[in-house]
Amino acid sequence: MSETNADTPSSARAFLRESETRRWLASAGVITLGLIAGGYLLGNGLVRAREADRSVTVRGLAERDVTADLATWTLAYSAKAGDLATAQAEADQDSAAIRSFFREVGFPAEALQPAGVTVSQYSNNGVQEFTVRQNMTLRSNDIKRAQEAARRQFELVRRGVALEDGSGMAYKFTGLNAIKPPMIAQATKDARASAEQFAQDSGTSVGSIKSASQGYFSIAPRDGDSGADGEGGGGGATDSPYKRVRVVTTIDFYLR
């Protein structure tokens, strides 16, 4: 009876130690599995992140030839005389000659408007001289008639009108907003074609757009290179009504 009582506590302690060991091993196993699973998921997530970051940056071009729809011509001229009345009278004669010229070309009277006048006076060796400077502006959507007037402008010289520097016909295209959407679509299509060629060469395929920049619209002469206006001006060079609209977009495409 006394031996049984002495062995019972020892067996209980052994059983408790074995139970604790099993619990510890089980806990360690769970932790190990968690670390393995977490490491796998983390690693797989990094792989996915790297794949998602694969992209290519390309540019797309779109061009379109257009014809100007607005012609403006500012004519600057002046008259000099020893007194203001004579100088003004001579300037008025030039104004009448200009109006007659444009009327003969076929423009209505309202197409030509005064655009300012300045009077200056100075003394040359004690002799007073007055200068009257005037500006008149033609504004019309009749481009063909404006071209005809520009071709015949030397008739004004033969009528005694001496045009000063800064006088010249300017042709502008004002319909940019109407052609922006199809041109952007065309530039995007061109950019995707470049991205697909790159993807084919690198053994990948093109996904969706990651980011895009619309680009800047420019309007330049169709022939030659005498300057260009941006989309703010909506115009072009002063020598020709024939323009070329151009836009370049920059687009990032995902690769997959």
Protein backbone atom coordinates (compact mmCIF):
# COMPACT_ATOMS: atom_id res chain seq x y z
CA MET A 1 0.00 0.00 0.00
CA SER A 2 2.84 2.33 0.87
CA GLU A 3 4.72 1.41 -2.40
CA THR A 4 1.70 2.34 -4.52
CA ASN A 5 1.41 5.67 -2.82
CA ALA A 6 5.13 6.35 -3.43
CA ASP A 7 4.99 5.47 -7.22
CA THR A 8 1.82 7.44 -8.05
CA PRO A 9 3.33 10.94 -7.86
CA SER A 10 6.32 9.87 -10.00
CA SER A 11 4.08 8.51 -12.78
CA ALA A 12 1.96 11.63 -12.76
CA ARG A 13 4.99 13.81 -13.12
CA ALA A 14 6.25 11.75 -16.05
CA PHE A 15 2.87 11.93 -17.73
CA LEU A 16 2.75 15.68 -17.26
CA ARG A 17 6.24 16.07 -18.69
CA GLU A 18 5.30 13.97 -21.74
CA SER A 19 2.12 15.98 -22.27
CA GLU A 20 4.01 19.26 -22.07
CA THR A 21 6.57 17.95 -24.56
CA ARG A 22 3.84 16.97 -27.01
CA ARG A 23 2.15 20.34 -26.63
CA TRP A 24 5.45 22.13 -27.17
CA LEU A 25 6.23 20.07 -30.27
CA ALA A 26 2.75 20.70 -31.59
CA SER A 27 3.08 24.42 -31.00
CA ALA A 28 6.52 24.46 -32.61
CA GLY A 29 5.12 22.60 -35.58
CA VAL A 30 2.29 25.07 -35.98
CA ILE A 31 4.69 27.99 -35.77
CA THR A 32 7.03 26.37 -38.28
CA LEU A 33 4.20 25.73 -40.71
CA GLY A 34 3.04 29.31 -40.25
CA LEU A 35 6.51 30.64 -41.00
CA ILE A 36 6.80 28.44 -44.07
CA ALA A 37 3.36 29.46 -45.33
CA GLY A 38 4.01 33.12 -44.57
CA GLY A 39 7.34 33.01 -46.33
CA TYR A 40 5.76 31.39 -49.36
CA LEU A 41 2.95 33.88 -49.50
CA LEU A 42 5.35 36.79 -49.01
CA GLY A 43 7.66 35.50 -51.70
CA ASN A 44 4.78 34.85 -54.06
CA GLY A 45 3.44 38.34 -53.37
CA LEU A 46 6.79 39.87 -54.25
CA VAL A 47 6.85 37.90 -57.46
CA ARG A 48 3.38 39.14 -58.31
CA ALA A 49 4.42 42.69 -57.46
CA ARG A 50 7.43 42.45 -59.74
CA GLU A 51 5.28 41.07 -62.54
CA ALA A 52 2.73 43.84 -62.07
CA ASP A 53 5.49 46.45 -62.32
CA ARG A 54 6.68 45.24 -65.72
CA SER A 55 5.84 47.91 -68.27
CA VAL A 56 7.09 49.62 -71.40
CA THR A 57 6.97 53.31 -72.25
CA VAL A 58 6.28 54.20 -75.88
CA ARG A 59 5.24 57.22 -77.90
CA GLY A 60 2.45 57.46 -80.41
CA LEU A 61 2.22 59.96 -83.26
CA ALA A 62 -0.82 61.35 -85.07
CA GLU A 63 -0.77 63.93 -87.86
CA ARG A 64 -3.53 65.51 -89.90
CA ASP A 65 -3.48 68.03 -92.76
CA VAL A 66 -6.01 70.81 -92.43
CA THR A 67 -6.89 74.07 -94.16
CA ALA A 68 -7.08 77.33 -92.25
CA ASP A 69 -10.56 78.64 -91.57
CA LEU A 70 -9.71 82.21 -90.56
CA ALA A 71 -7.70 84.87 -92.38
CA THR A 72 -6.58 88.09 -90.74
CA TRP A 73 -4.58 90.86 -92.32
CA THR A 74 -3.48 93.93 -90.39
CA LEU A 75 -2.42 96.74 -92.70
CA ALA A 76 -0.19 99.40 -91.17
CA TYR A 77 0.40 102.66 -93.05
CA SER A 78 1.31 106.26 -92.28
CA ALA A 79 1.37 109.79 -93.70
CA LYS A 80 3.67 112.70 -92.91
CA ALA A 81 3.14 116.44 -93.38
CA GLY A 82 4.11 119.80 -91.95
CA ASP A 83 0.68 120.18 -90.35
CA LEU A 84 -1.72 117.72 -88.77
CA ALA A 85 -4.62 118.39 -91.11
CA THR A 86 -2.58 117.58 -94.21
CA ALA A 87 -1.12 114.42 -92.65
CA GLN A 88 -4.59 113.25 -91.63
CA ALA A 89 -6.00 113.96 -95.08
CA GLU A 90 -3.26 111.88 -96.73
CA ALA A 91 -3.90 109.02 -94.27
CA ASP A 92 -7.61 109.22 -95.08
CA GLN A 93 -6.80 108.88 -98.79
CA ASP A 94 -4.84 105.72 -98.04
CA SER A 95 -7.77 104.37 -96.02
CA ALA A 96 -10.14 105.01 -98.92
CA ALA A 97 -7.76 103.26 -101.33
CA ILE A 98 -7.54 100.24 -99.04
CA ARG A 99 -11.31 99.98 -98.70
CA SER A 100 -11.72 100.28 -102.46
CA PHE A 101 -9.15 97.52 -103.02
CA PHE A 102 -10.87 95.02 -100.75
CA ARG A 103 -14.28 95.92 -102.14
CA GLU A 104 -13.01 95.12 -105.64
CA VAL A 105 -11.63 91.78 -104.44
CA GLY A 106 -15.13 90.96 -103.18
CA PHE A 107 -15.08 91.49 -99.41
CA PRO A 108 -18.06 93.10 -97.68
CA ALA A 109 -17.43 96.44 -96.02
CA GLU A 110 -17.73 95.01 -92.49
CA ALA A 111 -14.83 92.61 -93.11
CA LEU A 112 -12.45 95.59 -92.84
CA GLN A 113 -12.29 97.54 -89.60
CA PRO A 114 -10.07 100.35 -88.23
CA ALA A 115 -7.61 98.99 -85.68
CA GLY A 116 -6.09 102.12 -84.19
CA VAL A 117 -4.45 105.43 -85.03
CA THR A 118 -1.50 107.30 -83.50
CA VAL A 119 -0.26 110.85 -84.08
CA SER A 120 3.29 111.98 -83.41
CA GLN A 121 4.96 115.37 -83.76
CA TYR A 122 8.63 116.23 -83.86
CA SER A 123 10.88 119.05 -84.93
CA ASN A 124 13.53 118.69 -87.63
CA ASN A 125 15.89 121.69 -87.56
CA GLY A 126 13.05 123.81 -86.30
CA VAL A 127 10.58 122.51 -88.88
CA GLN A 128 7.54 120.82 -87.38
CA GLU A 129 6.43 117.52 -88.85
CA PHE A 130 3.38 115.45 -88.02
CA THR A 131 3.03 111.70 -88.59
CA VAL A 132 -0.32 109.95 -88.59
CA ARG A 133 -0.10 106.13 -88.35
CA GLN A 134 -3.20 104.01 -88.90
CA ASN A 135 -4.03 100.32 -88.84
CA MET A 136 -6.87 98.51 -90.57
CA THR A 137 -7.64 94.84 -90.09
CA LEU A 138 -9.27 92.40 -92.45
CA ARG A 139 -10.94 89.41 -90.79
CA SER A 140 -12.66 86.77 -92.89
CA ASN A 141 -13.47 83.07 -93.13
CA ASP A 142 -13.30 83.27 -96.93
CA ILE A 143 -9.82 81.78 -97.32
CA LYS A 144 -9.79 81.68 -101.13
CA ARG A 145 -10.75 85.34 -101.36
CA ALA A 146 -8.09 86.21 -98.77
CA GLN A 147 -5.47 84.40 -100.87
CA GLU A 148 -6.58 86.41 -103.89
CA ALA A 149 -6.19 89.66 -101.94
CA ALA A 150 -2.72 88.65 -100.78
CA ARG A 151 -1.68 87.90 -104.38
CA ARG A 152 -2.89 91.33 -105.50
CA GLN A 153 -1.48 93.36 -102.61
CA PHE A 154 1.02 95.19 -104.82
CA GLU A 155 -1.95 96.97 -106.35
CA LEU A 156 -2.10 98.91 -103.10
CA VAL A 157 1.43 100.14 -103.69
CA ARG A 158 0.47 101.28 -107.19
CA ARG A 159 -2.41 103.21 -105.61
CA GLY A 160 0.04 105.08 -103.41
CA VAL A 161 -0.42 103.05 -100.19
CA ALA A 162 2.96 102.23 -98.62
CA LEU A 163 2.43 99.38 -96.20
CA GLU A 164 4.80 99.34 -93.25
CA ASP A 165 6.60 96.40 -91.67
CA GLY A 166 4.29 94.07 -89.82
CA SER A 167 1.63 94.09 -92.52
CA GLY A 168 0.82 90.60 -93.75
CA MET A 169 -1.89 87.97 -94.09
CA ALA A 170 -2.15 85.42 -91.28
CA TYR A 171 -4.01 82.15 -91.79
CA LYS A 172 -5.28 80.32 -88.74
CA PHE A 173 -6.99 77.02 -88.05
CA THR A 174 -9.51 77.32 -85.22
CA GLY A 175 -11.10 73.85 -85.33
CA LEU A 176 -8.55 72.09 -83.13
CA ASN A 177 -11.00 70.99 -80.43
CA ALA A 178 -13.12 69.12 -82.97
CA ILE A 179 -10.24 66.94 -84.17
CA LYS A 180 -8.54 66.34 -80.82
CA PRO A 181 -10.45 63.15 -79.80
CA PRO A 182 -9.87 61.20 -83.05
CA MET A 183 -6.24 62.31 -83.18
CA ILE A 184 -5.60 61.18 -79.59
CA ALA A 185 -7.23 57.84 -80.44
CA GLN A 186 -4.97 57.52 -83.48
CA ALA A 187 -1.86 58.37 -81.45
CA THR A 188 -2.85 55.82 -78.79
CA LYS A 189 -3.29 53.15 -81.47
CA ASP A 190 0.13 53.99 -82.87
CA ALA A 191 1.67 53.74 -79.39
CA ARG A 192 0.08 50.32 -78.78
CA ALA A 193 1.48 49.07 -82.09
CA SER A 194 4.97 50.07 -80.94
CA ALA A 195 4.41 48.40 -77.55
CA GLU A 196 3.21 45.19 -79.23
CA GLN A 197 6.32 45.09 -81.39
CA PHE A 198 8.47 45.49 -78.28
CA ALA A 199 6.52 42.79 -76.46
CA GLN A 200 6.86 40.42 -79.39
CA ASP A 201 10.62 40.93 -79.46
CA SER A 202 10.89 40.33 -75.71
CA GLY A 203 8.54 37.33 -75.55
CA THR A 204 5.77 39.06 -73.60
CA SER A 205 2.37 40.54 -74.39
CA VAL A 206 0.83 43.96 -73.93
CA GLY A 207 -1.69 44.57 -71.16
CA SER A 208 -3.69 47.61 -70.16
CA ILE A 209 -2.49 51.20 -69.96
CA LYS A 210 -0.53 51.99 -66.79
CA SER A 211 -0.32 55.75 -67.35
CA ALA A 212 -0.61 58.14 -70.27
CA SER A 213 0.20 61.70 -71.23
CA GLN A 214 -1.98 63.32 -73.90
CA GLY A 215 0.87 65.30 -75.41
CA TYR A 216 1.02 68.77 -76.92
CA PHE A 217 -0.78 69.71 -80.10
CA SER A 218 1.15 71.82 -82.59
CA ILE A 219 0.03 73.43 -85.83
CA ALA A 220 2.71 74.13 -88.43
CA PRO A 221 2.84 74.91 -92.14
CA ARG A 222 2.21 71.78 -94.18
CA ASP A 223 5.11 72.62 -96.48
CA GLY A 224 8.34 74.07 -95.21
CA ASP A 225 9.28 75.09 -91.69
CA SER A 226 8.44 78.71 -90.99
CA GLY A 227 7.29 78.27 -87.44
CA ALA A 228 4.48 76.60 -85.52
CA ASP A 229 1.81 77.55 -83.06
CA GLY A 230 0.66 75.50 -80.09
CA GLU A 231 -2.86 74.60 -79.15
CA GLY A 232 -3.27 77.85 -77.26
CA GLY A 233 -2.94 79.92 -80.42
CA GLY A 234 -4.74 77.57 -82.72
CA GLY A 235 -3.05 79.13 -85.72
CA GLY A 236 -0.06 78.75 -87.92
CA ALA A 237 2.42 80.55 -90.13
CA THR A 238 1.40 83.69 -92.00
CA ASP A 239 2.44 82.49 -95.45
CA SER A 240 0.07 79.59 -96.15
CA PRO A 241 -3.42 78.43 -95.21
CA TYR A 242 -2.36 74.79 -95.45
CA LYS A 243 -1.44 73.41 -92.04
CA ARG A 244 -0.37 70.16 -90.43
CA VAL A 245 -1.66 69.33 -86.94
CA ARG A 246 0.59 67.04 -84.91
CA VAL A 247 0.39 65.39 -81.49
CA VAL A 248 2.72 62.96 -79.73
CA THR A 249 1.42 60.94 -76.77
CA THR A 250 3.53 59.12 -74.18
CA ILE A 251 1.95 55.92 -72.81
CA ASP A 252 3.06 53.26 -70.30
CA PHE A 253 1.67 49.78 -71.06
CA TYR A 254 1.75 46.87 -68.64
CA LEU A 255 3.56 43.78 -69.92
CA ARG A 256 2.31 40.32 -69.01
